[in-house]
């Protein structure tokens, strides 16, 4: 390889995108394809109008984890998945219903794309879904051998079916698929059938209620191919859940590291109470999962600002560990500028950007209480707030400074 090209030329991500783009074209894609480097996407256009988007981040992360002998077949499979949009969903519900299944994803799965569309002045993707706790969502899809196709409201209208009728069909189909449940010491129960629908089995409420857990069922779905269930009164079971979840920290297609608990009202986002033996470890997993989602959200916002030429400060989501008692916290830094988009973090640091020193630091609830009139909730997930004015000196004094906190 030319050394200058290696040092200053395209990155591995760019090379992968170029290879995949050529593979998709060779496979018969007729739409115009534009590679958006900053957003790391393919954007497809028909007659000058945007006709689809393929996000490359997770695909690339899966690709680099494969051996050299597996990569060619993977590229072919992804190209076929991208081309699956040419395969029509049946016009008749009766013809489609056997292939309708539910998927469970992080709320960020839809919310990040919709926030990007809002910033671009475009309408939201109107895909109906149900919430699973406050951090997951479930929706029906049409299952193809190469890909999963979303079902929009127009298709529901064409089929003369409601969203809830479609979800009922999806759940019935999922329940009929044979799935093995394994267990560790009769404390942790695992769905790991590698069929892309293990996380979806969190929706099979009756099956989960039949599991002999101690207390109320607690679930975590770190990836689409792993669902874990234990009981909220089983400290050992929850520790086993944490140990396995840590193995999925770098999975290229994560769902969520935040647990939820089944109550009489369904699944609720949940953490063991402060002081519980596994509270700190579970909270750390939650923060690490949020960190990934915030990074993807940040990249999406930055790409819109870059393309539009607009300026604005988009705060990053950081994690730090206190020296004593070694707890993990999240924080963001707001340098002295009038406009900012802030993630919801445990701590907000206000910085004098000329002298690079903190002017104040406060916990989120304190900052929100003092700056509430200036904070505008963007109503997205993960949560982010717009602020148009940097705090006054009096507001900074009220916020104060957190002892022992160091950047």
Protein backbone atom coordinates (compact mmCIF):
# COMPACT_ATOMS: atom_id res chain seq x y z
CA UNK A 1 0.00 0.00 0.00
CA UNK A 2 1.18 3.55 -0.80
CA UNK A 3 2.43 4.96 2.52
CA UNK A 4 1.09 8.46 1.84
CA UNK A 5 -2.35 7.06 1.05
CA UNK A 6 -2.20 4.94 4.19
CA UNK A 7 -1.28 7.93 6.38
CA UNK A 8 -3.46 10.63 4.84
CA UNK A 9 -5.92 8.95 2.54
CA UNK A 10 -9.29 7.35 3.13
CA UNK A 11 -10.02 5.55 6.37
CA UNK A 12 -11.07 1.93 6.81
CA UNK A 13 -14.63 3.21 7.22
CA UNK A 14 -14.40 4.99 3.85
CA UNK A 15 -12.89 1.94 2.15
CA UNK A 16 -15.66 -0.23 3.51
CA UNK A 17 -18.33 2.22 2.32
CA UNK A 18 -16.75 2.29 -1.15
CA UNK A 19 -16.68 -1.51 -1.37
CA UNK A 20 -20.27 -1.83 -0.20
CA UNK A 21 -21.48 0.93 -2.54
CA UNK A 22 -19.91 -0.87 -5.54
CA UNK A 23 -21.37 -4.18 -4.36
CA UNK A 24 -24.86 -2.66 -4.10
CA UNK A 25 -24.62 -1.12 -7.58
CA UNK A 26 -23.34 -4.38 -9.07
CA UNK A 27 -26.28 -6.18 -7.48
CA UNK A 28 -28.70 -4.01 -9.45
CA UNK A 29 -29.51 -0.89 -7.40
CA UNK A 30 -31.05 1.67 -9.77
CA UNK A 31 -31.41 4.58 -7.36
CA UNK A 32 -28.74 7.28 -7.13
CA UNK A 33 -26.51 6.58 -4.11
CA UNK A 34 -24.69 9.35 -2.25
CA UNK A 35 -22.16 8.52 0.43
CA UNK A 36 -22.50 10.99 3.32
CA UNK A 37 -19.16 10.70 5.09
CA UNK A 38 -19.94 12.79 8.19
CA UNK A 39 -23.25 11.03 8.88
CA UNK A 40 -21.75 7.71 7.68
CA UNK A 41 -24.76 6.90 5.58
CA UNK A 42 -25.83 5.98 2.10
CA UNK A 43 -28.64 8.21 0.92
CA UNK A 44 -30.73 6.99 -1.99
CA UNK A 45 -32.43 9.35 -4.42
CA UNK A 46 -35.09 8.87 -7.08
CA UNK A 47 -35.70 11.76 -9.48
CA UNK A 48 -33.80 14.03 -7.11
CA UNK A 49 -35.95 13.15 -4.08
CA UNK A 50 -34.63 11.34 -1.01
CA UNK A 51 -35.94 7.78 -1.22
CA UNK A 52 -34.10 5.97 1.57
CA UNK A 53 -31.21 5.96 4.02
CA UNK A 54 -28.83 3.19 5.07
CA UNK A 55 -26.83 3.83 8.23
CA UNK A 56 -23.40 2.23 7.95
CA UNK A 57 -22.08 2.41 11.51
CA UNK A 58 -23.42 -0.88 12.85
CA UNK A 59 -22.79 -2.64 9.54
CA UNK A 60 -19.14 -1.58 9.56
CA UNK A 61 -18.72 -2.61 13.20
CA UNK A 62 -20.04 -6.08 12.37
CA UNK A 63 -17.81 -6.29 9.28
CA UNK A 64 -14.53 -5.56 11.10
CA UNK A 65 -15.28 -8.25 13.69
CA UNK A 66 -15.40 -10.91 10.97
CA UNK A 67 -12.47 -12.94 9.69
CA UNK A 68 -11.16 -12.12 6.22
CA UNK A 69 -12.79 -15.27 4.87
CA UNK A 70 -16.24 -14.22 6.12
CA UNK A 71 -16.24 -10.65 4.85
CA UNK A 72 -17.09 -11.24 1.20
CA UNK A 73 -20.24 -13.21 1.98
CA UNK A 74 -21.20 -10.59 4.55
CA UNK A 75 -20.94 -7.81 1.94
CA UNK A 76 -23.15 -9.82 -0.39
CA UNK A 77 -25.74 -10.37 2.35
CA UNK A 78 -25.83 -6.67 3.25
CA UNK A 79 -26.14 -5.67 -0.40
CA UNK A 80 -29.13 -7.99 -0.74
CA UNK A 81 -30.66 -6.51 2.40
CA UNK A 82 -30.30 -2.99 0.98
CA UNK A 83 -31.89 -4.12 -2.28
CA UNK A 84 -34.80 -5.75 -0.44
CA UNK A 85 -36.79 -2.52 -0.81
CA UNK A 86 -37.43 -3.61 -4.42
CA UNK A 87 -39.37 -6.61 -3.11
CA UNK A 88 -42.93 -5.45 -2.52
CA UNK A 89 -44.85 -6.19 0.65
CA UNK A 90 -47.98 -8.15 -0.33
CA UNK A 91 -50.98 -5.95 -1.03
CA UNK A 92 -53.25 -8.45 0.72
CA UNK A 93 -53.06 -8.83 4.51
CA UNK A 94 -53.89 -12.51 4.17
CA UNK A 95 -50.80 -12.99 1.98
CA UNK A 96 -48.58 -11.05 4.38
CA UNK A 97 -49.81 -12.09 7.82
CA UNK A 98 -47.63 -15.22 8.21
CA UNK A 99 -44.48 -13.09 7.87
CA UNK A 100 -45.45 -10.31 10.28
CA UNK A 101 -43.32 -10.36 13.45
CA UNK A 102 -42.53 -7.89 16.25
CA UNK A 103 -39.18 -6.28 16.90
CA UNK A 104 -38.01 -4.63 20.11
CA UNK A 105 -35.45 -1.84 19.89
CA UNK A 106 -34.13 1.05 21.95
CA UNK A 107 -36.26 4.18 21.67
CA UNK A 108 -33.17 5.82 20.19
CA UNK A 109 -33.68 3.51 17.17
CA UNK A 110 -36.42 5.84 15.91
CA UNK A 111 -35.95 9.00 17.95
CA UNK A 112 -32.45 9.85 16.67
CA UNK A 113 -33.60 9.65 13.04
CA UNK A 114 -36.69 11.70 13.81
CA UNK A 115 -34.66 14.37 15.60
CA UNK A 116 -32.39 14.60 12.56
CA UNK A 117 -35.42 14.97 10.30
CA UNK A 118 -36.84 17.73 12.54
CA UNK A 119 -33.56 19.62 12.32
CA UNK A 120 -33.66 19.26 8.54
CA UNK A 121 -37.24 20.59 8.46
CA UNK A 122 -38.67 17.25 7.35
CA UNK A 123 -41.70 15.37 8.73
CA UNK A 124 -41.27 12.56 11.26
CA UNK A 125 -41.25 8.90 10.31
CA UNK A 126 -44.76 8.00 11.39
CA UNK A 127 -44.21 4.40 12.46
CA UNK A 128 -46.69 3.28 15.13
CA UNK A 129 -45.18 1.50 18.12
CA UNK A 130 -45.83 0.58 21.74
CA UNK A 131 -43.52 1.50 24.60
CA UNK A 132 -41.78 -1.17 26.65
CA UNK A 133 -40.81 0.77 29.74
CA UNK A 134 -39.55 4.25 28.88
CA UNK A 135 -36.42 3.15 27.01
CA UNK A 136 -37.63 0.43 24.62
CA UNK A 137 -40.23 0.27 21.88
CA UNK A 138 -41.91 -2.53 19.95
CA UNK A 139 -43.35 -2.45 16.46
CA UNK A 140 -44.48 -4.95 13.83
CA UNK A 141 -42.39 -5.57 10.71
CA UNK A 142 -42.65 -7.66 7.57
CA UNK A 143 -39.94 -10.33 7.70
CA UNK A 144 -38.01 -11.05 4.53
CA UNK A 145 -35.14 -13.57 4.26
CA UNK A 146 -32.71 -10.69 3.62
CA UNK A 147 -34.16 -7.90 5.78
CA UNK A 148 -36.94 -6.60 7.98
CA UNK A 149 -39.34 -4.13 6.32
CA UNK A 150 -41.21 -1.53 8.36
CA UNK A 151 -44.98 -1.25 8.04
CA UNK A 152 -46.22 2.32 7.72
CA UNK A 153 -49.73 3.72 8.38
CA UNK A 154 -50.52 3.67 4.64
CA UNK A 155 -49.96 -0.08 4.56
CA UNK A 156 -52.19 -0.52 7.62
CA UNK A 157 -54.91 1.43 5.87
CA UNK A 158 -54.50 -0.65 2.71
CA UNK A 159 -54.85 -3.83 4.75
CA UNK A 160 -57.79 -2.38 6.69
CA UNK A 161 -56.13 -3.36 9.96
CA UNK A 162 -55.38 -1.37 13.11
CA UNK A 163 -51.93 -1.20 14.64
CA UNK A 164 -53.08 -3.31 17.59
CA UNK A 165 -54.51 -6.00 15.30
CA UNK A 166 -51.15 -6.11 13.54
CA UNK A 167 -49.28 -6.42 16.84
CA UNK A 168 -51.60 -9.23 17.89
CA UNK A 169 -50.80 -11.07 14.65
CA UNK A 170 -47.07 -10.43 15.14
CA UNK A 171 -47.13 -11.80 18.69
CA UNK A 172 -49.09 -14.89 17.66
CA UNK A 173 -46.51 -15.59 14.95
CA UNK A 174 -43.62 -15.07 17.35
CA UNK A 175 -45.18 -17.37 19.94
CA UNK A 176 -45.38 -20.14 17.33
CA UNK A 177 -41.65 -20.01 16.59
CA UNK A 178 -39.86 -22.66 18.61
CA UNK A 179 -37.48 -21.03 21.09
CA UNK A 180 -35.20 -22.61 23.66
CA UNK A 181 -34.81 -21.11 27.13
CA UNK A 182 -31.61 -21.96 28.97
CA UNK A 183 -30.86 -21.24 32.60
CA UNK A 184 -27.94 -20.58 34.92
CA UNK A 185 -28.57 -22.20 38.30
CA UNK A 186 -32.34 -21.70 37.89
CA UNK A 187 -31.68 -18.02 38.66
CA UNK A 188 -31.09 -16.43 35.26
CA UNK A 189 -33.11 -17.49 32.21
CA UNK A 190 -31.79 -16.77 28.74
CA UNK A 191 -33.34 -16.60 25.27
CA UNK A 192 -30.36 -16.93 22.91
CA UNK A 193 -31.74 -18.60 19.80
CA UNK A 194 -29.79 -16.43 17.32
CA UNK A 195 -32.84 -15.80 15.13
CA UNK A 196 -32.93 -11.97 15.50
CA UNK A 197 -36.08 -12.18 17.64
CA UNK A 198 -34.82 -13.10 21.12
CA UNK A 199 -35.21 -9.53 22.39
CA UNK A 200 -38.76 -9.54 20.99
CA UNK A 201 -39.66 -12.38 23.33
CA UNK A 202 -39.86 -9.86 26.15
CA UNK A 203 -43.36 -9.28 24.71
CA UNK A 204 -44.41 -12.88 25.42
CA UNK A 205 -45.72 -11.94 28.85
CA UNK A 206 -47.40 -15.24 29.73
CA UNK A 207 -44.27 -17.23 28.90
CA UNK A 208 -42.13 -14.96 31.05
CA UNK A 209 -44.56 -15.05 33.97
CA UNK A 210 -44.27 -18.86 33.93
CA UNK A 211 -40.52 -18.71 34.60
CA UNK A 212 -39.71 -19.64 38.24
CA UNK A 213 -37.97 -16.38 39.18
CA UNK A 214 -37.72 -14.97 42.70
CA UNK A 215 -39.98 -11.93 42.93
CA UNK A 216 -41.10 -9.87 39.94
CA UNK A 217 -39.45 -10.62 36.58
CA UNK A 218 -36.56 -8.33 35.62
CA UNK A 219 -35.48 -8.29 31.97
CA UNK A 220 -32.57 -6.94 29.96
CA UNK A 221 -32.11 -7.15 26.18
CA UNK A 222 -28.54 -6.11 25.37
CA UNK A 223 -28.86 -7.30 21.75
CA UNK A 224 -31.54 -8.66 19.46
CA UNK A 225 -30.12 -12.16 20.03
CA UNK A 226 -30.03 -12.07 23.81
CA UNK A 227 -32.85 -11.65 26.33
CA UNK A 228 -32.18 -12.28 30.03
CA UNK A 229 -34.79 -12.75 32.75
CA UNK A 230 -34.30 -12.99 36.51
CA UNK A 231 -36.21 -11.90 39.62
CA UNK A 232 -36.03 -8.60 41.52
CA UNK A 233 -35.53 -10.54 44.77
CA UNK A 234 -32.65 -12.62 43.40
CA UNK A 235 -29.36 -10.77 44.00
CA UNK A 236 -27.32 -13.63 42.54
CA UNK A 237 -29.51 -13.77 39.43
CA UNK A 238 -29.11 -10.04 38.85
CA UNK A 239 -25.35 -10.29 39.27
CA UNK A 240 -25.30 -13.07 36.66
CA UNK A 241 -27.32 -10.78 34.38
CA UNK A 242 -24.74 -8.02 34.86
CA UNK A 243 -21.84 -10.38 34.13
CA UNK A 244 -23.37 -11.52 30.82
CA UNK A 245 -24.42 -7.98 29.84
CA UNK A 246 -20.81 -6.84 30.16
CA UNK A 247 -19.89 -9.33 27.45
CA UNK A 248 -22.13 -7.36 25.07
CA UNK A 249 -20.71 -3.89 25.77
CA UNK A 250 -19.07 -3.71 22.34
CA UNK A 251 -21.72 -5.54 20.37
CA UNK A 252 -22.13 -3.81 16.97
CA UNK A 253 -25.93 -3.91 17.15
CA UNK A 254 -26.84 -3.08 20.74
CA UNK A 255 -30.37 -2.61 22.03
CA UNK A 256 -30.18 -1.56 25.68
CA UNK A 257 -28.26 -2.20 28.89
CA UNK A 258 -31.05 -0.71 31.01
CA UNK A 259 -33.21 -3.28 32.85
CA UNK A 260 -36.97 -3.23 33.17
CA UNK A 261 -39.28 -4.91 35.64
CA UNK A 262 -42.70 -6.44 35.06
CA UNK A 263 -45.44 -4.95 37.23
CA UNK A 264 -49.20 -5.17 37.11
CA UNK A 265 -49.08 -2.36 34.52
CA UNK A 266 -46.56 -4.12 32.28
CA UNK A 267 -42.85 -3.54 31.82
CA UNK A 268 -41.39 -0.51 33.61
CA UNK A 269 -37.87 0.90 33.27
CA UNK A 270 -36.23 0.00 36.59
CA UNK A 271 -33.08 -0.03 38.69
CA UNK A 272 -32.58 -1.66 42.10
CA UNK A 273 -32.82 0.99 44.84
CA UNK A 274 -29.75 2.89 46.01
CA UNK A 275 -27.92 0.78 48.57
CA UNK A 276 -28.90 -2.50 46.92
CA UNK A 277 -25.90 -4.82 46.35
CA UNK A 278 -26.17 -4.54 42.53
CA UNK A 279 -27.48 -0.98 42.19
CA UNK A 280 -24.11 0.53 41.32
CA UNK A 281 -23.22 -2.15 38.75
CA UNK A 282 -26.61 -1.96 37.03
CA UNK A 283 -26.53 1.82 36.98
CA UNK A 284 -23.08 1.71 35.38
CA UNK A 285 -24.41 -0.51 32.59
CA UNK A 286 -27.29 1.91 32.08
CA UNK A 287 -24.87 4.86 31.82
CA UNK A 288 -22.61 3.02 29.38
CA UNK A 289 -25.58 2.17 27.18
CA UNK A 290 -26.77 5.79 27.26
CA UNK A 291 -23.27 6.92 26.34
CA UNK A 292 -23.47 4.94 23.09
CA UNK A 293 -26.92 6.34 22.28
CA UNK A 294 -25.84 9.91 23.02
CA UNK A 295 -22.78 9.51 20.81
CA UNK A 296 -24.97 8.42 17.89
CA UNK A 297 -27.37 11.29 18.58
CA UNK A 298 -24.49 13.78 18.75
CA UNK A 299 -23.07 12.58 15.41
CA UNK A 300 -26.50 12.87 13.80
CA UNK A 301 -27.01 16.46 14.98
CA UNK A 302 -23.49 17.49 14.00
CA UNK A 303 -23.96 16.10 10.48
CA UNK A 304 -27.11 18.23 10.01
CA UNK A 305 -25.37 21.35 11.27
CA UNK A 306 -22.39 20.69 9.00
CA UNK A 307 -24.53 20.17 5.89
CA UNK A 308 -26.73 23.20 6.56
CA UNK A 309 -23.89 25.54 7.48
CA UNK A 310 -25.62 26.42 10.74
CA UNK A 311 -23.61 26.90 13.90
CA UNK A 312 -24.40 25.65 17.36
CA UNK A 313 -22.73 23.95 20.29
CA UNK A 314 -23.75 20.31 20.79
CA UNK A 315 -22.52 19.11 24.18
CA UNK A 316 -21.02 15.65 24.50
CA UNK A 317 -22.09 13.07 27.06
CA UNK A 318 -19.13 12.06 29.25
CA UNK A 319 -18.63 9.54 32.04
CA UNK A 320 -16.31 9.88 35.01
CA UNK A 321 -15.64 7.83 38.12
CA UNK A 322 -15.53 9.48 41.52
CA UNK A 323 -12.44 8.58 43.54
CA UNK A 324 -14.52 7.88 46.61
CA UNK A 325 -16.81 5.87 46.65
CA UNK A 326 -15.87 4.90 43.05
CA UNK A 327 -19.32 5.57 41.59
CA UNK A 328 -19.75 6.29 37.88
CA UNK A 329 -21.48 9.53 36.86
CA UNK A 330 -22.36 11.30 33.63
CA UNK A 331 -21.59 14.93 32.91
CA UNK A 332 -21.57 17.46 30.08
CA UNK A 333 -19.59 20.67 29.60
CA UNK A 334 -21.15 23.95 28.43
CA UNK A 335 -18.48 26.48 27.42
CA UNK A 336 -19.40 30.14 27.62
CA UNK A 337 -21.48 30.50 24.46
CA UNK A 338 -25.09 31.62 23.95
CA UNK A 339 -26.53 28.52 22.27
CA UNK A 340 -26.24 24.91 23.39
CA UNK A 341 -27.90 21.53 23.04
CA UNK A 342 -27.36 19.71 26.32
CA UNK A 343 -27.76 15.99 27.07
CA UNK A 344 -29.45 15.17 30.34
CA UNK A 345 -26.52 14.24 32.58
CA UNK A 346 -25.96 13.80 36.30
CA UNK A 347 -23.77 16.92 36.37
CA UNK A 348 -23.51 20.02 34.17
CA UNK A 349 -20.21 21.95 34.08
CA UNK A 350 -20.16 25.59 32.98
CA UNK A 351 -16.80 26.52 31.53
CA UNK A 352 -14.88 29.75 30.94
CA UNK A 353 -13.59 28.81 27.50
CA UNK A 354 -10.97 31.58 27.41
CA UNK A 355 -9.15 30.46 30.55
CA UNK A 356 -10.36 26.82 30.41
CA UNK A 357 -11.58 26.70 33.98
CA UNK A 358 -14.97 25.75 35.45
CA UNK A 359 -17.23 28.64 36.42
CA UNK A 360 -19.78 26.39 38.15
CA UNK A 361 -20.92 22.77 38.33
CA UNK A 362 -24.24 21.42 39.51
CA UNK A 363 -26.42 18.37 39.51
CA UNK A 364 -29.07 18.27 36.80
CA UNK A 365 -32.05 18.86 39.09
CA UNK A 366 -30.33 21.93 40.59
CA UNK A 367 -29.41 23.33 37.18
CA UNK A 368 -32.88 22.65 35.82
CA UNK A 369 -34.51 24.36 38.81
CA UNK A 370 -32.44 27.52 38.33
CA UNK A 371 -32.43 27.66 34.52
CA UNK A 372 -35.88 26.17 33.93
CA UNK A 373 -37.25 29.14 31.90
CA UNK A 374 -34.24 28.85 29.57
CA UNK A 375 -34.39 25.06 29.10
CA UNK A 376 -36.48 23.71 26.24
CA UNK A 377 -37.05 19.95 26.22
CA UNK A 378 -36.61 18.68 22.64
CA UNK A 379 -38.84 15.71 23.58
CA UNK A 380 -36.51 13.18 22.06
CA UNK A 381 -34.63 10.11 23.28
CA UNK A 382 -32.11 10.08 24.76
CA UNK A 383 -33.25 13.38 26.34
CA UNK A 384 -31.65 16.59 25.11
CA UNK A 385 -32.43 20.22 25.90
CA UNK A 386 -31.99 23.45 23.97
CA UNK A 387 -30.69 26.52 25.84
CA UNK A 388 -30.36 29.96 24.22
CA UNK A 389 -28.59 31.96 26.92
CA UNK A 390 -25.55 31.14 29.03
CA UNK A 391 -26.26 31.55 32.78
CA UNK A 392 -25.79 34.96 34.32
CA UNK A 393 -23.23 35.49 37.08
CA UNK A 394 -26.03 35.37 39.65
CA UNK A 395 -27.33 32.06 38.23
CA UNK A 396 -23.82 30.61 38.26
CA UNK A 397 -23.48 31.58 41.93
CA UNK A 398 -26.78 29.84 42.69
CA UNK A 399 -25.62 26.69 40.88
CA UNK A 400 -22.39 26.69 42.89
CA UNK A 401 -19.70 24.03 42.63
CA UNK A 402 -19.67 20.33 43.45
CA UNK A 403 -16.91 19.41 45.94
CA UNK A 404 -14.31 16.89 44.70
CA UNK A 405 -15.63 17.02 41.13
CA UNK A 406 -12.79 17.21 38.62
CA UNK A 407 -12.95 17.11 34.84
